Amino acid sequence: MKIDLPGGRYVVAVSGGVDSVVLLHMLAGQRAKDKGQNRTNSALIIAHFDHGIRLDSVEDRKLVQKLAKQYGLPFVYDRAELGAGASEATAREARYAFLAKVKQATGADAIITAHHEDDVLETIIINWLRGTKSRGLSSLRSSQLVRRPLLGMTKKQIRAYARSHNLAWREDSTNADETYLRNYIRKHVVTKLDEKARAKLLEHSAKAAELNDAITGLVTEYLQRHTTPQSIDRLAYRELPKEVAREVL
């Protein structure tokens, strides 16, 4: 798989797990290829965040730092002390706050993460359970600010790539902890989906993304044409479809 990025500066989130190690290998390989063909290559900054949840997490940082040196790329990291009982949401918020900080400090164009197809499926199922409706079905997407080039790859394909290139990575022991909802969904639901079921869920996600984009367009139009800082046009509001009206509020 080839990763095409417009020339620019990017913060690459690398945890040390197989997904981000594969992402980094692909990006570094494409960068070297572009350089060899005298094409504009991207500046990459490796960013590693230690949540302070596991006692052995320092080994993750050492691996990522070693990879940064191997690829000749700048390395930035920070550590929090979230503790073993930290929720997935707390860890995610702390991680993205760190990545946003690095992006701002380095003047980067975007953040690159290693989310893949299985992550999309897990997120769809989790959001369904939480009742987040159509927005939850398309929440894990690539954007101008956060690029996710591996969304078209499955976890199985990522592991196969890592083995075929003899890559070294770290396994996060907390991934086996089923008190985290995502881990439970990963083990007991996503692994049991056949190709047809996976394709159907991804199709629902793509349709939800189209719907959400359309709703966002209608909301933006209404806010621009029918509101002021002090008021909204009640008649125009009453004519909005229910989903659009909800988003306006």
Protein backbone atom coordinates (compact mmCIF):
# COMPACT_ATOMS: atom_id res chain seq x y z
CA MET A 1 0.00 0.00 0.00
CA LYS A 2 1.26 3.46 -0.92
CA ILE A 3 0.62 6.53 1.24
CA ASP A 4 0.25 9.71 -0.78
CA LEU A 5 0.67 12.92 1.18
CA PRO A 6 0.85 16.45 -0.17
CA GLY A 7 4.17 18.09 0.62
CA GLY A 8 4.16 19.54 4.10
CA ARG A 9 5.02 19.02 7.75
CA TYR A 10 3.30 16.27 9.70
CA VAL A 11 3.20 15.05 13.29
CA VAL A 12 3.14 11.23 13.25
CA ALA A 13 1.61 9.65 16.37
CA VAL A 14 3.68 6.56 17.18
CA SER A 15 2.84 4.51 20.26
CA GLY A 16 5.20 1.64 19.56
CA GLY A 17 2.38 -0.79 18.79
CA VAL A 18 2.22 -2.70 15.51
CA ASP A 19 -0.21 -0.25 13.84
CA SER A 20 1.89 2.88 14.32
CA VAL A 21 5.17 1.05 13.66
CA VAL A 22 3.80 -0.06 10.28
CA LEU A 23 2.51 3.44 9.56
CA LEU A 24 5.92 4.94 10.31
CA HIS A 25 7.68 2.35 8.14
CA MET A 26 5.39 3.16 5.21
CA LEU A 27 5.77 6.91 5.62
CA ALA A 28 9.55 6.70 5.94
CA GLY A 29 9.74 4.44 2.90
CA GLN A 30 7.62 6.78 0.78
CA ARG A 31 9.67 9.74 1.98
CA ALA A 32 12.92 8.05 0.94
CA LYS A 33 11.42 7.12 -2.43
CA ASP A 34 10.26 10.70 -3.08
CA LYS A 35 13.70 12.01 -2.16
CA GLY A 36 15.37 9.56 -4.54
CA GLN A 37 13.12 10.74 -7.38
CA ASN A 38 13.75 14.42 -6.57
CA ARG A 39 10.13 14.95 -5.59
CA THR A 40 9.02 17.14 -2.72
CA ASN A 41 9.02 14.98 0.37
CA SER A 42 7.24 15.63 3.62
CA ALA A 43 8.84 16.61 6.91
CA LEU A 44 7.85 14.12 9.60
CA ILE A 45 7.99 14.63 13.37
CA ILE A 46 7.55 11.48 15.49
CA ALA A 47 5.40 12.16 18.55
CA HIS A 48 5.09 9.65 21.39
CA PHE A 49 2.82 10.04 24.41
CA ASP A 50 3.27 7.94 27.55
CA HIS A 51 -0.03 7.84 29.43
CA GLY A 52 1.60 6.62 32.63
CA ILE A 53 -0.86 3.73 32.85
CA ARG A 54 1.54 0.75 32.60
CA LEU A 55 4.75 0.21 34.55
CA ASP A 56 6.58 -0.98 31.42
CA SER A 57 5.50 1.90 29.17
CA VAL A 58 9.02 3.35 29.27
CA GLU A 59 10.02 0.47 26.99
CA ASP A 60 7.53 1.74 24.39
CA ARG A 61 9.20 5.13 24.42
CA LYS A 62 12.65 3.58 24.04
CA LEU A 63 11.51 1.61 20.98
CA VAL A 64 9.94 4.65 19.30
CA GLN A 65 13.00 6.76 20.08
CA LYS A 66 15.18 4.06 18.50
CA LEU A 67 12.99 4.07 15.38
CA ALA A 68 13.22 7.86 15.14
CA LYS A 69 17.00 7.62 15.19
CA GLN A 70 16.92 4.81 12.65
CA TYR A 71 14.81 6.85 10.22
CA GLY A 72 16.66 10.08 10.96
CA LEU A 73 13.53 11.89 12.14
CA PRO A 74 12.97 14.31 15.05
CA PHE A 75 11.41 12.76 18.14
CA VAL A 76 9.12 14.45 20.67
CA TYR A 77 7.51 12.85 23.68
CA ASP A 78 5.70 13.64 26.88
CA ARG A 79 4.48 11.62 29.85
CA ALA A 80 1.39 11.87 31.99
CA GLU A 81 0.59 10.06 35.21
CA LEU A 82 -2.95 8.90 34.49
CA GLY A 83 -2.62 5.72 36.54
CA ALA A 84 -3.87 2.19 35.98
CA GLY A 85 -7.53 3.11 36.45
CA ALA A 86 -7.64 5.76 33.72
CA SER A 87 -10.52 5.45 31.27
CA GLU A 88 -10.06 5.12 27.53
CA ALA A 89 -11.69 8.54 27.06
CA THR A 90 -9.30 10.20 29.51
CA ALA A 91 -6.30 8.61 27.81
CA ARG A 92 -7.54 9.67 24.36
CA GLU A 93 -8.14 13.27 25.44
CA ALA A 94 -4.67 13.52 26.98
CA ARG A 95 -3.05 12.00 23.89
CA TYR A 96 -4.78 14.32 21.41
CA ALA A 97 -4.06 17.35 23.59
CA PHE A 98 -0.38 16.42 23.40
CA LEU A 99 -0.49 15.89 19.63
CA ALA A 100 -2.27 19.21 19.11
CA LYS A 101 0.39 20.91 21.22
CA VAL A 102 3.18 19.39 19.12
CA LYS A 103 1.38 20.35 15.91
CA GLN A 104 1.13 23.96 17.03
CA ALA A 105 4.73 24.13 18.30
CA THR A 106 6.18 22.70 15.08
CA GLY A 107 3.89 24.50 12.66
CA ALA A 108 2.76 21.18 11.22
CA ASP A 109 -0.03 20.94 8.66
CA ALA A 110 -1.69 17.90 10.20
CA ILE A 111 -1.45 14.98 12.59
CA ILE A 112 -1.17 11.44 11.18
CA THR A 113 -2.53 8.48 13.16
CA ALA A 114 -2.50 4.73 12.53
CA HIS A 115 -6.24 4.04 12.81
CA HIS A 116 -7.31 1.19 10.52
CA GLU A 117 -10.41 -0.61 9.30
CA ASP A 118 -10.90 -2.66 12.47
CA ASP A 119 -10.80 0.55 14.52
CA VAL A 120 -13.60 1.92 12.34
CA LEU A 121 -15.75 -1.18 12.94
CA GLU A 122 -15.11 -1.08 16.69
CA THR A 123 -16.06 2.59 16.82
CA ILE A 124 -19.26 2.01 14.84
CA ILE A 125 -20.38 -0.73 17.25
CA ILE A 126 -19.41 1.23 20.37
CA ASN A 127 -21.27 4.32 19.17
CA TRP A 128 -24.32 2.25 18.26
CA LEU A 129 -24.37 0.92 21.82
CA ARG A 130 -24.10 4.47 23.14
CA GLY A 131 -26.95 5.67 20.94
CA THR A 132 -25.01 8.35 19.06
CA LYS A 133 -27.03 7.82 15.86
CA SER A 134 -25.65 8.77 12.43
CA ARG A 135 -22.78 10.93 13.72
CA GLY A 136 -21.41 8.00 15.67
CA LEU A 137 -21.35 5.82 12.57
CA SER A 138 -18.89 8.09 10.78
CA SER A 139 -16.88 9.58 13.63
CA LEU A 140 -13.56 7.94 12.73
CA ARG A 141 -12.65 9.61 9.45
CA SER A 142 -9.68 11.25 7.84
CA SER A 143 -9.66 15.05 7.68
CA GLN A 144 -7.34 17.90 6.79
CA LEU A 145 -6.22 18.22 10.41
CA VAL A 146 -6.05 14.52 11.33
CA ARG A 147 -5.05 12.19 8.52
CA ARG A 148 -5.67 8.45 8.84
CA PRO A 149 -4.09 6.79 5.78
CA LEU A 150 -4.50 3.20 7.04
CA LEU A 151 -8.31 3.18 7.20
CA GLY A 152 -8.34 0.91 4.16
CA MET A 153 -6.18 -1.75 5.85
CA THR A 154 -7.38 -4.44 8.23
CA LYS A 155 -5.57 -5.42 11.41
CA LYS A 156 -4.72 -8.73 9.78
CA GLN A 157 -3.09 -6.96 6.82
CA ILE A 158 -1.13 -4.66 9.14
CA ARG A 159 0.27 -7.60 11.11
CA ALA A 160 1.15 -9.39 7.87
CA TYR A 161 2.99 -6.29 6.64
CA ALA A 162 4.91 -6.02 9.92
CA ARG A 163 5.99 -9.66 9.77
CA SER A 164 6.97 -9.49 6.10
CA HIS A 165 9.24 -6.50 6.81
CA ASN A 166 10.63 -7.94 10.06
CA LEU A 167 9.42 -4.96 12.07
CA ALA A 168 9.68 -4.87 15.85
CA TRP A 169 6.84 -3.52 17.98
CA ARG A 170 5.49 -3.56 21.52
CA GLU A 171 2.27 -5.24 22.63
CA ASP A 172 0.20 -3.14 25.04
CA SER A 173 -0.85 -5.44 27.89
CA THR A 174 -3.94 -3.31 28.60
CA ASN A 175 -5.36 -4.42 25.24
CA ALA A 176 -6.27 -7.71 26.92
CA ASP A 177 -8.26 -5.97 29.67
CA GLU A 178 -11.93 -6.52 28.82
CA THR A 179 -13.13 -3.98 31.36
CA TYR A 180 -12.40 -1.53 28.54
CA LEU A 181 -15.41 -1.64 26.21
CA ARG A 182 -13.30 -1.36 23.07
CA ASN A 183 -11.24 -4.40 24.04
CA TYR A 184 -14.41 -6.41 24.68
CA ILE A 185 -15.89 -5.39 21.32
CA ARG A 186 -12.60 -6.18 19.57
CA LYS A 187 -12.38 -9.68 21.02
CA HIS A 188 -16.01 -10.79 21.12
CA VAL A 189 -17.67 -8.93 18.24
CA VAL A 190 -15.34 -7.67 15.50
CA THR A 191 -13.33 -10.91 15.33
CA LYS A 192 -16.57 -12.80 14.67
CA LEU A 193 -17.68 -10.63 11.72
CA ASP A 194 -17.35 -12.25 8.31
CA GLU A 195 -16.36 -10.29 5.22
CA LYS A 196 -19.98 -9.63 4.25
CA ALA A 197 -20.84 -8.21 7.68
CA ARG A 198 -17.71 -6.05 7.75
CA ALA A 199 -18.52 -4.67 4.30
CA LYS A 200 -22.10 -3.90 5.32
CA LEU A 201 -21.03 -1.97 8.41
CA LEU A 202 -18.48 0.02 6.42
CA GLU A 203 -21.17 0.78 3.83
CA HIS A 204 -23.45 2.12 6.60
CA SER A 205 -20.56 4.25 7.83
CA ALA A 206 -19.92 5.72 4.37
CA LYS A 207 -23.63 6.55 3.92
CA ALA A 208 -23.75 8.12 7.37
CA ALA A 209 -20.75 10.27 6.46
CA GLU A 210 -22.56 11.54 3.35
CA LEU A 211 -25.68 12.26 5.41
CA ASN A 212 -23.70 14.09 8.09
CA ASP A 213 -21.94 16.23 5.49
CA ALA A 214 -25.31 17.17 4.00
CA ILE A 215 -26.73 18.01 7.44
CA THR A 216 -23.68 20.14 8.23
CA GLY A 217 -24.22 22.06 4.98
CA LEU A 218 -27.87 22.77 5.84
CA VAL A 219 -26.98 23.79 9.40
CA THR A 220 -24.31 26.18 8.15
CA GLU A 221 -26.71 27.72 5.63
CA TYR A 222 -29.42 28.22 8.27
CA LEU A 223 -27.03 29.77 10.79
CA GLN A 224 -25.66 32.18 8.20
CA ARG A 225 -29.03 33.26 6.81
CA HIS A 226 -31.47 33.04 9.70
CA THR A 227 -29.64 33.87 12.91
CA THR A 228 -28.04 36.82 14.64
CA PRO A 229 -26.02 36.84 17.88
CA GLN A 230 -29.29 37.65 19.68
CA SER A 231 -31.96 35.64 17.86
CA ILE A 232 -33.00 32.94 15.42
CA ASP A 233 -35.71 32.99 12.78
CA ARG A 234 -38.34 30.81 14.43
CA LEU A 235 -40.44 30.26 11.30
CA ALA A 236 -37.43 29.11 9.28
CA TYR A 237 -36.33 26.93 12.20
CA ARG A 238 -39.72 25.15 12.37
CA GLU A 239 -39.38 24.22 8.70
CA LEU A 240 -36.05 22.45 9.20
CA PRO A 241 -35.89 18.63 9.15
CA LYS A 242 -35.66 17.21 12.68
CA GLU A 243 -32.01 16.10 12.42
CA VAL A 244 -30.97 19.52 11.07
CA ALA A 245 -32.92 21.36 13.78
CA ARG A 246 -31.21 19.27 16.46
CA GLU A 247 -27.78 20.18 15.09
CA VAL A 248 -28.73 23.88 14.90
CA LEU A 249 -29.52 23.86 18.62
